[in-house]
């Protein structure tokens, strides 16, 4: 049975496990699941203060306040970061299920993805509210957020199948991914405007576009700020979906090749 078929067949179990995963992450704390939203909000405030108040260079020409530009880009990054980190550690975190012969362990990275998606839905709603406060109200272009969220979910799921399989044998991979995410947020880019900063370096700007998350971040901003449709960037869109398909196929292949050894190692 193919991975998509297994995911569809076990969708109810995935939903239940995802809700339980989201709740148990903060079990024992007074604020509970509120902590899932506090840290990203504080991060946004810190970045806004540093770049809006401290360093104002490179922000010329924005059609919206910088805080809206920042939030539109960092919300999909939060989702990518949370989903990839959780997906990478899915098998280790649910090792007791991996050792059960009858359990379909292919659903575990999906559980972490859905759990991260709960927080993402909240921040998309928060973003829409923030835009509304500044006078930018929802329109048809904003519906593209669903398209870009779906694309990002498939991308991170494909990557997670590979990383969660490898990290079982090479635990240092989790730390490497954490470092890569810390660096990646600056090369996406999110806090700075590539069109302004790299105006004299077109090749470097094109190189940055090889990062598939940059496509999604730009897509959120196209939908919420610049009001462009995703098909207005046909080559970039084609590249993103080819990369996502390759990541999913490769991740599935790695997962299946290593699957028979998971129970022994864990």
Protein backbone atom coordinates (compact mmCIF):
# COMPACT_ATOMS: atom_id res chain seq x y z
CA UNK A 1 0.00 0.00 0.00
CA UNK A 2 1.35 3.44 -0.92
CA UNK A 3 1.99 6.12 1.69
CA UNK A 4 -0.86 8.41 0.54
CA UNK A 5 -3.26 5.44 0.71
CA UNK A 6 -2.09 4.55 4.22
CA UNK A 7 -2.48 8.13 5.36
CA UNK A 8 -6.00 8.32 3.95
CA UNK A 9 -6.97 4.97 5.44
CA UNK A 10 -5.77 5.94 8.92
CA UNK A 11 -7.00 9.54 8.86
CA UNK A 12 -9.20 9.17 11.96
CA UNK A 13 -6.38 7.70 14.02
CA UNK A 14 -4.05 10.45 12.79
CA UNK A 15 -6.53 13.10 13.89
CA UNK A 16 -6.90 11.59 17.37
CA UNK A 17 -3.16 11.15 17.84
CA UNK A 18 -2.49 14.69 16.63
CA UNK A 19 -4.95 16.20 19.12
CA UNK A 20 -3.44 14.12 21.90
CA UNK A 21 0.08 15.07 20.84
CA UNK A 22 -0.80 18.76 20.93
CA UNK A 23 -2.29 18.48 24.41
CA UNK A 24 0.42 16.32 25.98
CA UNK A 25 3.26 18.60 24.84
CA UNK A 26 2.27 21.07 27.55
CA UNK A 27 0.83 18.69 30.13
CA UNK A 28 1.59 19.78 33.68
CA UNK A 29 2.06 23.49 32.91
CA UNK A 30 -0.41 26.04 34.24
CA UNK A 31 -1.01 27.73 30.88
CA UNK A 32 -1.06 24.48 28.93
CA UNK A 33 -1.36 24.84 25.16
CA UNK A 34 -1.12 28.64 25.46
CA UNK A 35 2.66 28.21 25.44
CA UNK A 36 2.43 26.98 21.85
CA UNK A 37 1.39 30.51 20.86
CA UNK A 38 3.35 32.62 23.35
CA UNK A 39 6.84 31.87 22.03
CA UNK A 40 6.08 32.67 18.34
CA UNK A 41 4.31 35.90 19.33
CA UNK A 42 7.29 36.98 21.46
CA UNK A 43 9.63 36.12 18.58
CA UNK A 44 7.61 38.30 16.19
CA UNK A 45 7.68 41.20 18.66
CA UNK A 46 11.45 40.93 19.11
CA UNK A 47 12.12 40.83 15.35
CA UNK A 48 9.70 43.71 14.77
CA UNK A 49 11.40 45.85 17.41
CA UNK A 50 14.90 45.11 16.15
CA UNK A 51 14.19 45.71 12.47
CA UNK A 52 11.51 48.38 12.65
CA UNK A 53 12.91 50.43 15.51
CA UNK A 54 16.59 49.49 15.52
CA UNK A 55 17.56 48.87 11.89
CA UNK A 56 15.31 50.62 9.38
CA UNK A 57 17.56 50.20 6.37
CA UNK A 58 16.32 48.28 3.32
CA UNK A 59 12.62 48.77 4.08
CA UNK A 60 11.95 51.38 1.43
CA UNK A 61 9.12 50.81 -1.00
CA UNK A 62 6.98 48.53 1.18
CA UNK A 63 3.26 49.06 0.52
CA UNK A 64 2.43 48.03 4.12
CA UNK A 65 3.94 48.61 7.58
CA UNK A 66 6.97 46.43 8.18
CA UNK A 67 5.20 44.43 10.89
CA UNK A 68 2.71 43.14 8.30
CA UNK A 69 5.52 42.24 5.90
CA UNK A 70 7.31 40.43 8.73
CA UNK A 71 4.27 38.48 9.96
CA UNK A 72 3.23 37.42 6.44
CA UNK A 73 6.65 35.82 5.98
CA UNK A 74 7.36 34.41 9.42
CA UNK A 75 4.02 32.60 9.93
CA UNK A 76 4.73 29.95 7.24
CA UNK A 77 8.28 29.65 8.56
CA UNK A 78 6.97 28.87 12.05
CA UNK A 79 4.86 26.09 10.54
CA UNK A 80 7.79 24.69 8.56
CA UNK A 81 10.09 24.81 11.57
CA UNK A 82 7.62 23.20 13.98
CA UNK A 83 6.53 20.51 11.53
CA UNK A 84 10.07 19.55 10.47
CA UNK A 85 11.38 19.45 14.04
CA UNK A 86 8.42 17.40 15.23
CA UNK A 87 8.44 15.13 12.19
CA UNK A 88 12.15 14.43 12.54
CA UNK A 89 11.63 13.20 16.12
CA UNK A 90 8.34 11.40 15.43
CA UNK A 91 9.70 7.85 15.58
CA UNK A 92 11.84 8.52 18.62
CA UNK A 93 8.99 10.21 20.46
CA UNK A 94 6.60 7.36 19.67
CA UNK A 95 9.14 4.54 19.99
CA UNK A 96 6.64 2.44 21.97
CA UNK A 97 4.34 2.43 18.94
CA UNK A 98 7.16 1.70 16.50
CA UNK A 99 7.84 -1.55 18.35
CA UNK A 100 4.27 -2.73 17.82
CA UNK A 101 4.20 -4.97 14.75
CA UNK A 102 0.60 -4.17 13.81
CA UNK A 103 0.91 -0.38 14.06
CA UNK A 104 1.24 1.63 10.84
CA UNK A 105 4.25 3.75 11.76
CA UNK A 106 3.99 5.63 8.46
CA UNK A 107 1.35 7.84 10.05
CA UNK A 108 3.60 9.18 12.83
CA UNK A 109 5.24 12.01 10.81
CA UNK A 110 1.73 12.99 9.66
CA UNK A 111 0.61 13.16 13.30
CA UNK A 112 3.35 15.69 14.05
CA UNK A 113 2.45 17.63 10.90
CA UNK A 114 -1.22 17.89 11.88
CA UNK A 115 -0.25 18.86 15.43
CA UNK A 116 1.87 21.73 14.06
CA UNK A 117 -0.98 22.69 11.74
CA UNK A 118 -3.23 23.45 14.73
CA UNK A 119 -0.90 26.28 15.73
CA UNK A 120 -0.53 27.38 12.12
CA UNK A 121 -4.28 27.86 11.74
CA UNK A 122 -4.28 30.13 14.79
CA UNK A 123 -1.46 32.27 13.39
CA UNK A 124 -3.07 32.55 9.97
CA UNK A 125 -6.20 33.86 11.71
CA UNK A 126 -4.01 36.19 13.81
CA UNK A 127 -2.34 37.45 10.63
CA UNK A 128 -5.69 38.16 8.97
CA UNK A 129 -6.82 40.03 12.08
CA UNK A 130 -3.62 42.08 12.18
CA UNK A 131 -3.99 43.00 8.51
CA UNK A 132 -7.60 44.00 9.19
CA UNK A 133 -6.52 46.29 12.03
CA UNK A 134 -4.24 48.09 9.59
CA UNK A 135 -7.07 48.38 7.03
CA UNK A 136 -6.16 45.46 4.78
CA UNK A 137 -9.27 43.30 4.65
CA UNK A 138 -9.54 39.74 3.22
CA UNK A 139 -10.21 39.25 -0.48
CA UNK A 140 -10.02 36.45 -3.05
CA UNK A 141 -6.23 36.66 -3.21
CA UNK A 142 -6.03 35.64 0.45
CA UNK A 143 -7.50 32.23 -0.40
CA UNK A 144 -4.12 31.36 -1.87
CA UNK A 145 -2.88 30.94 1.70
CA UNK A 146 -4.65 27.56 1.60
CA UNK A 147 -2.73 26.61 -1.55
CA UNK A 148 0.64 27.66 -0.13
CA UNK A 149 -0.06 25.98 3.22
CA UNK A 150 -0.90 22.72 1.44
CA UNK A 151 2.28 22.94 -0.63
CA UNK A 152 4.39 23.60 2.45
CA UNK A 153 2.74 20.70 4.29
CA UNK A 154 3.58 18.26 1.48
CA UNK A 155 7.13 19.57 1.28
CA UNK A 156 7.82 19.22 5.00
CA UNK A 157 6.12 15.82 5.13
CA UNK A 158 8.39 14.46 2.41
CA UNK A 159 11.43 15.85 4.19
CA UNK A 160 10.22 14.44 7.53
CA UNK A 161 9.95 10.90 6.18
CA UNK A 162 13.63 11.02 5.31
CA UNK A 163 14.85 12.81 8.44
CA UNK A 164 12.81 10.74 10.94
CA UNK A 165 14.17 7.55 9.40
CA UNK A 166 17.79 8.68 9.40
CA UNK A 167 17.72 10.22 12.90
CA UNK A 168 16.93 6.81 14.40
CA UNK A 169 20.46 5.71 13.40
CA UNK A 170 22.17 9.11 13.49
CA UNK A 171 20.82 11.10 16.44
CA UNK A 172 23.08 14.08 15.68
CA UNK A 173 20.85 14.84 12.68
CA UNK A 174 18.30 16.48 14.99
CA UNK A 175 20.93 18.98 16.17
CA UNK A 176 22.09 19.60 12.61
CA UNK A 177 18.52 20.38 11.57
CA UNK A 178 18.10 22.80 14.47
CA UNK A 179 21.22 24.68 13.38
CA UNK A 180 20.08 24.64 9.74
CA UNK A 181 16.74 26.15 10.77
CA UNK A 182 18.48 28.92 12.72
CA UNK A 183 20.52 29.78 9.64
CA UNK A 184 17.72 29.14 7.17
CA UNK A 185 15.43 31.84 8.52
CA UNK A 186 18.00 34.43 7.41
CA UNK A 187 18.50 32.92 3.96
CA UNK A 188 14.83 32.48 3.15
CA UNK A 189 14.72 35.61 3.59
CA UNK A 190 12.10 36.81 6.07
CA UNK A 191 13.44 39.73 8.09
CA UNK A 192 15.03 41.52 5.16
CA UNK A 193 13.82 42.42 1.69
CA UNK A 194 15.84 40.62 -0.97
CA UNK A 195 14.62 42.87 -3.78
CA UNK A 196 16.16 45.89 -2.06
CA UNK A 197 19.29 44.42 -0.53
CA UNK A 198 20.32 42.28 -3.52
CA UNK A 199 19.41 44.75 -6.26
CA UNK A 200 23.05 44.71 -7.43
CA UNK A 201 23.43 40.93 -7.01
CA UNK A 202 20.81 39.30 -9.26
CA UNK A 203 22.60 35.93 -9.32
CA UNK A 204 22.59 35.71 -5.54
CA UNK A 205 18.90 36.55 -5.48
CA UNK A 206 18.21 33.75 -7.96
CA UNK A 207 20.25 31.38 -5.81
CA UNK A 208 18.10 32.21 -2.80
CA UNK A 209 15.02 31.24 -4.82
CA UNK A 210 16.29 27.66 -4.93
CA UNK A 211 15.12 27.43 -1.34
CA UNK A 212 11.56 26.06 -1.75
CA UNK A 213 10.40 27.69 1.50
CA UNK A 214 11.21 31.07 -0.06
CA UNK A 215 8.55 30.30 -2.68
CA UNK A 216 5.95 29.78 0.05
CA UNK A 217 7.00 32.87 2.01
CA UNK A 218 6.82 34.96 -1.15
CA UNK A 219 3.46 33.36 -1.89
CA UNK A 220 2.01 34.42 1.45
CA UNK A 221 3.17 37.96 0.79
CA UNK A 222 1.83 37.87 -2.76
CA UNK A 223 -1.56 36.78 -1.44
CA UNK A 224 -1.78 39.14 1.53
CA UNK A 225 0.18 42.20 0.36
CA UNK A 226 1.05 42.38 -3.33
CA UNK A 227 -2.13 40.68 -4.61
CA UNK A 228 -0.52 38.39 -7.17
CA UNK A 229 -1.76 34.94 -8.22
CA UNK A 230 0.55 31.94 -7.93
CA UNK A 231 0.29 31.19 -11.67
CA UNK A 232 1.90 34.56 -12.40
CA UNK A 233 5.19 32.87 -11.42
CA UNK A 234 4.91 29.72 -13.60
CA UNK A 235 8.56 28.64 -13.65
CA UNK A 236 9.04 29.14 -9.93
CA UNK A 237 5.79 27.30 -9.22
CA UNK A 238 6.86 24.42 -11.46
CA UNK A 239 10.23 24.25 -9.71
CA UNK A 240 8.61 24.19 -6.27
CA UNK A 241 6.27 21.32 -7.11
CA UNK A 242 9.01 19.32 -8.81
CA UNK A 243 11.20 19.79 -5.74
CA UNK A 244 8.33 18.85 -3.42
CA UNK A 245 7.50 15.73 -5.44
CA UNK A 246 11.17 14.70 -5.46
CA UNK A 247 11.42 15.28 -1.70
CA UNK A 248 8.31 13.18 -1.06
CA UNK A 249 9.45 10.32 -3.30
CA UNK A 250 12.95 10.35 -1.83
CA UNK A 251 11.66 10.56 1.74
CA UNK A 252 9.25 7.68 1.14
CA UNK A 253 12.03 5.57 -0.37
CA UNK A 254 14.40 6.20 2.55
CA UNK A 255 11.65 5.47 5.07
CA UNK A 256 10.73 2.15 3.47
CA UNK A 257 14.35 1.05 3.10
CA UNK A 258 15.13 1.66 6.79
CA UNK A 259 11.75 0.72 8.25
CA UNK A 260 12.62 -2.90 9.00
CA UNK A 261 15.45 -1.80 11.32
CA UNK A 262 13.55 0.78 13.41
CA UNK A 263 12.26 -1.59 16.11
CA UNK A 264 15.71 -3.13 16.64
CA UNK A 265 17.48 0.22 17.05
CA UNK A 266 14.81 1.91 19.16
